[in-house]
C-alpha atoms as a PDB file:
ATOM      1  CA  MET A   1      65.767 -45.139-180.067  1.00  0.00           C
ATOM      2  CA  SER A   2      63.082 -48.147-178.627  1.00  0.00           C
ATOM      3  CA  GLU A   3      63.678 -51.321-178.820  1.00  0.00           C
ATOM      4  CA  THR A   4      61.036 -53.921-180.280  1.00  0.00           C
ATOM      5  CA  PRO A   5      59.990 -56.733-178.123  1.00  0.00           C
ATOM      6  CA  ASP A   6      60.909 -59.817-178.916  1.00  0.00           C
ATOM      7  CA  PRO A   7      57.934 -61.726-180.631  1.00  0.00           C
ATOM      8  CA  GLU A   8      58.389 -64.754-178.539  1.00  0.00           C
ATOM      9  CA  VAL A   9      58.322 -62.582-175.181  1.00  0.00           C
ATOM     10  CA  VAL A  10      55.223 -61.195-176.569  1.00  0.00           C
ATOM     11  CA  GLU A  11      53.526 -64.270-177.247  1.00  0.00           C
ATOM     12  CA  LEU A  12      54.672 -65.751-173.398  1.00  0.00           C
ATOM     13  CA  ALA A  13      53.232 -62.575-172.274  1.00  0.00           C
ATOM     14  CA  THR A  14      49.933 -63.199-173.934  1.00  0.00           C
ATOM     15  CA  LYS A  15      49.624 -66.877-172.809  1.00  0.00           C
ATOM     16  CA  VAL A  16      50.558 -66.098-169.085  1.00  0.00           C
ATOM     17  CA  PHE A  17      47.868 -63.166-169.267  1.00  0.00           C
ATOM     18  CA  ASP A  18      45.645 -65.634-170.385  1.00  0.00           C
ATOM     19  CA  LEU A  19      46.368 -68.055-167.913  1.00  0.00           C
ATOM     20  CA  ALA A  20      45.393 -65.766-165.107  1.00  0.00           C
ATOM     21  CA  ARG A  21      42.002 -64.511-166.754  1.00  0.00           C
ATOM     22  CA  HIS A  22      41.362 -67.859-167.005  1.00  0.00           C
ATOM     23  CA  GLY A  23      42.121 -69.097-163.548  1.00  0.00           C
ATOM     24  CA  GLU A  24      44.720 -71.715-164.516  1.00  0.00           C
ATOM     25  CA  ALA A  25      46.525 -71.853-161.015  1.00  0.00           C
ATOM     26  CA  ASP A  26      48.701 -74.496-161.641  1.00  0.00           C
ATOM     27  CA  ALA A  27      50.244 -73.358-164.918  1.00  0.00           C
ATOM     28  CA  LEU A  28      50.546 -69.910-163.572  1.00  0.00           C
ATOM     29  CA  ALA A  29      52.071 -71.267-160.516  1.00  0.00           C
ATOM     30  CA  ALA A  30      54.619 -73.180-163.116  1.00  0.00           C
ATOM     31  CA  TYR A  31      55.304 -70.361-165.220  1.00  0.00           C
ATOM     32  CA  VAL A  32      56.166 -68.144-162.052  1.00  0.00           C
ATOM     33  CA  ASP A  33      58.364 -70.791-160.777  1.00  0.00           C
ATOM     34  CA  ALA A  34      60.131 -70.713-163.900  1.00  0.00           C
ATOM     35  CA  GLY A  35      60.698 -67.133-163.887  1.00  0.00           C
ATOM     36  CA  VAL A  36      57.840 -64.938-165.240  1.00  0.00           C
ATOM     37  CA  PRO A  37      58.087 -62.067-162.630  1.00  0.00           C
ATOM     38  CA  ALA A  38      54.786 -62.688-160.132  1.00  0.00           C
ATOM     39  CA  ASN A  39      53.730 -58.930-160.740  1.00  0.00           C
ATOM     40  CA  LEU A  40      53.921 -58.681-164.070  1.00  0.00           C
ATOM     41  CA  THR A  41      51.762 -56.097-165.356  1.00  0.00           C
ATOM     42  CA  ASN A  42      50.106 -55.542-168.726  1.00  0.00           C
ATOM     43  CA  ASP A  43      49.811 -52.131-170.988  1.00  0.00           C
ATOM     44  CA  ARG A  44      47.382 -51.405-168.687  1.00  0.00           C
ATOM     45  CA  GLY A  45      49.113 -52.161-165.603  1.00  0.00           C
ATOM     46  CA  ASP A  46      46.672 -54.775-165.017  1.00  0.00           C
ATOM     47  CA  SER A  47      49.046 -57.487-162.796  1.00  0.00           C
ATOM     48  CA  LEU A  48      48.505 -61.473-163.202  1.00  0.00           C
ATOM     49  CA  LEU A  49      46.589 -61.105-159.612  1.00  0.00           C
ATOM     50  CA  MET A  50      44.771 -58.210-160.780  1.00  0.00           C
ATOM     51  CA  LEU A  51      43.093 -60.300-163.755  1.00  0.00           C
ATOM     52  CA  ALA A  52      42.787 -63.355-161.677  1.00  0.00           C
ATOM     53  CA  ALA A  53      40.994 -61.402-159.086  1.00  0.00           C
ATOM     54  CA  TYR A  54      38.655 -59.612-161.086  1.00  0.00           C
ATOM     55  CA  HIS A  55      37.545 -62.628-163.428  1.00  0.00           C
ATOM     56  CA  GLY A  56      36.946 -64.344-159.819  1.00  0.00           C
ATOM     57  CA  HIS A  57      39.571 -66.966-159.278  1.00  0.00           C
ATOM     58  CA  ALA A  58      40.660 -67.398-155.910  1.00  0.00           C
ATOM     59  CA  ALA A  59      42.592 -70.655-156.684  1.00  0.00           C
ATOM     60  CA  ALA A  60      44.790 -68.474-159.253  1.00  0.00           C
ATOM     61  CA  VAL A  61      44.978 -65.593-156.459  1.00  0.00           C
ATOM     62  CA  THR A  62      46.537 -67.476-153.581  1.00  0.00           C
ATOM     63  CA  ALA A  63      49.094 -69.251-156.061  1.00  0.00           C
ATOM     64  CA  LEU A  64      49.926 -65.806-157.325  1.00  0.00           C
ATOM     65  CA  VAL A  65      50.163 -64.378-153.854  1.00  0.00           C
ATOM     66  CA  GLY A  66      51.953 -67.369-152.397  1.00  0.00           C
ATOM     67  CA  ARG A  67      54.714 -66.334-155.417  1.00  0.00           C
ATOM     68  CA  GLY A  68      55.240 -62.625-154.219  1.00  0.00           C
ATOM     69  CA  ALA A  69      52.633 -61.147-156.066  1.00  0.00           C
ATOM     70  CA  ASP A  70      52.124 -57.516-154.351  1.00  0.00           C
ATOM     71  CA  PRO A  71      48.560 -57.810-153.568  1.00  0.00           C
ATOM     72  CA  ASP A  72      47.871 -54.116-153.237  1.00  0.00           C
ATOM     73  CA  ARG A  73      49.618 -53.112-156.611  1.00  0.00           C
ATOM     74  CA  ALA A  74      47.780 -50.986-158.201  1.00  0.00           C
ATOM     75  CA  ASN A  75      46.794 -50.919-162.636  1.00  0.00           C
ATOM     76  CA  ASP A  76      47.165 -47.212-164.583  1.00  0.00           C
ATOM     77  CA  ARG A  77      43.779 -46.436-163.227  1.00  0.00           C
ATOM     78  CA  GLY A  78      44.736 -46.471-159.221  1.00  0.00           C
ATOM     79  CA  GLN A  79      42.638 -49.944-158.841  1.00  0.00           C
ATOM     80  CA  THR A  80      43.632 -52.676-156.721  1.00  0.00           C
ATOM     81  CA  PRO A  81      42.573 -56.536-156.921  1.00  0.00           C
ATOM     82  CA  LEU A  82      40.682 -56.297-153.923  1.00  0.00           C
ATOM     83  CA  ALA A  83      38.510 -53.353-155.547  1.00  0.00           C
ATOM     84  CA  GLY A  84      37.851 -55.419-158.403  1.00  0.00           C
ATOM     85  CA  ALA A  85      36.644 -58.522-156.643  1.00  0.00           C
ATOM     86  CA  VAL A  86      34.728 -56.285-154.421  1.00  0.00           C
ATOM     87  CA  PHE A  87      33.053 -54.947-157.946  1.00  0.00           C
ATOM     88  CA  LYS A  88      32.417 -58.351-159.265  1.00  0.00           C
ATOM     89  CA  GLY A  89      31.329 -59.783-156.099  1.00  0.00           C
ATOM     90  CA  GLU A  90      34.261 -62.486-155.740  1.00  0.00           C
ATOM     91  CA  ASP A  91      33.651 -63.544-151.949  1.00  0.00           C
ATOM     92  CA  ALA A  92      35.909 -66.554-152.080  1.00  0.00           C
ATOM     93  CA  VAL A  93      38.797 -63.895-154.008  1.00  0.00           C
ATOM     94  CA  ILE A  94      38.082 -61.077-151.045  1.00  0.00           C
ATOM     95  CA  ALA A  95      38.775 -63.786-148.633  1.00  0.00           C
ATOM     96  CA  ALA A  96      41.595 -64.827-150.319  1.00  0.00           C
ATOM     97  CA  LEU A  97      43.393 -61.484-150.598  1.00  0.00           C
ATOM     98  CA  LEU A  98      42.767 -60.039-147.512  1.00  0.00           C
ATOM     99  CA  SER A  99      43.987 -63.457-145.882  1.00  0.00           C
ATOM    100  CA  ALA A 100      47.099 -62.803-148.124  1.00  0.00           C
ATOM    101  CA  GLY A 101      47.249 -58.941-146.406  1.00  0.00           C
ATOM    102  CA  ALA A 102      45.365 -56.947-148.955  1.00  0.00           C
ATOM    103  CA  ASP A 103      44.445 -53.465-147.487  1.00  0.00           C
ATOM    104  CA  PRO A 104      41.027 -52.515-148.293  1.00  0.00           C
ATOM    105  CA  ALA A 105      41.746 -48.815-147.919  1.00  0.00           C
ATOM    106  CA  ALA A 106      44.539 -48.793-151.256  1.00  0.00           C
ATOM    107  CA  GLY A 107      43.870 -47.713-154.529  1.00  0.00           C
ATOM    108  CA  THR A 108      41.429 -45.415-156.092  1.00  0.00           C
ATOM    109  CA  PRO A 109      38.384 -45.977-155.438  1.00  0.00           C
ATOM    110  CA  SER A 110      39.424 -48.573-152.921  1.00  0.00           C
ATOM    111  CA  ALA A 111      37.494 -51.404-151.793  1.00  0.00           C
ATOM    112  CA  VAL A 112      36.155 -49.583-148.792  1.00  0.00           C
ATOM    113  CA  ASP A 113      34.953 -47.093-151.160  1.00  0.00           C
ATOM    114  CA  THR A 114      33.602 -49.786-154.090  1.00  0.00           C
ATOM    115  CA  ALA A 115      31.897 -51.526-151.102  1.00  0.00           C
ATOM    116  CA  ARG A 116      29.990 -48.301-150.188  1.00  0.00           C
ATOM    117  CA  MET A 117      28.854 -47.425-153.576  1.00  0.00           C
ATOM    118  CA  PHE A 118      27.347 -51.144-153.801  1.00  0.00           C
ATOM    119  CA  GLY A 119      25.840 -50.800-150.465  1.00  0.00           C
ATOM    120  CA  LYS A 120      27.887 -53.350-149.585  1.00  0.00           C
ATOM    121  CA  ALA A 121      27.390 -53.559-145.307  1.00  0.00           C
ATOM    122  CA  ASP A 122      28.492 -56.834-144.619  1.00  0.00           C
ATOM    123  CA  LEU A 123      32.243 -56.086-146.877  1.00  0.00           C
ATOM    124  CA  LEU A 124      32.267 -52.703-144.694  1.00  0.00           C
ATOM    125  CA  GLU A 125      32.154 -54.384-141.836  1.00  0.00           C
ATOM    126  CA  LEU A 126      34.662 -56.820-142.874  1.00  0.00           C
ATOM    127  CA  PHE A 127      37.021 -54.598-144.246  1.00  0.00           C
ATOM    128  CA  GLY A 128      36.433 -52.452-140.571  1.00  0.00           C
ATOM    129  CA  ALA A 129      34.466 -49.443-142.246  1.00  0.00           C
ATOM    130  CA  ARG A 130      31.917 -47.387-141.658  1.00  0.00           C
END
C-alpha cells in the first residue's frame, strides 16, 4: 500500500527545486538551514546540487555543499553535478565543485569522460587526466 504524498510537501519540494534551478542561493540556504535535506532529490534522482550545477549557479552550489550536499551524488542516469557542469561549460561551477572535493572520475559518464568527449583539454589537465 503506497502513501499519497502530502500536497503541501510536494509544493514545498517543487519550490525548493525551482530555487536550485534559478540559483537562489540565499533562499536555498535558508530552506536547508530550516531542515530541507541538502541531498534532496527529485523523481529523476537529480539533487538540488545537480540542478544548481547544471544551470550554472556557482553561489548556490557553494551554499549547498557548505551545508552537506554530496558533490559526487549521481542522478538516476549516473551523472554527477561535476559532469553536468562540464557538459554545460560552467567554469565557475566546476571550480566550486572541485573546491568542495568533487571527484572528476565519479559517475557515468564521469566529468573526465565528458571533458574527453568534448575535447576540453584544459579541463582534462585540471582533472589530472589524459
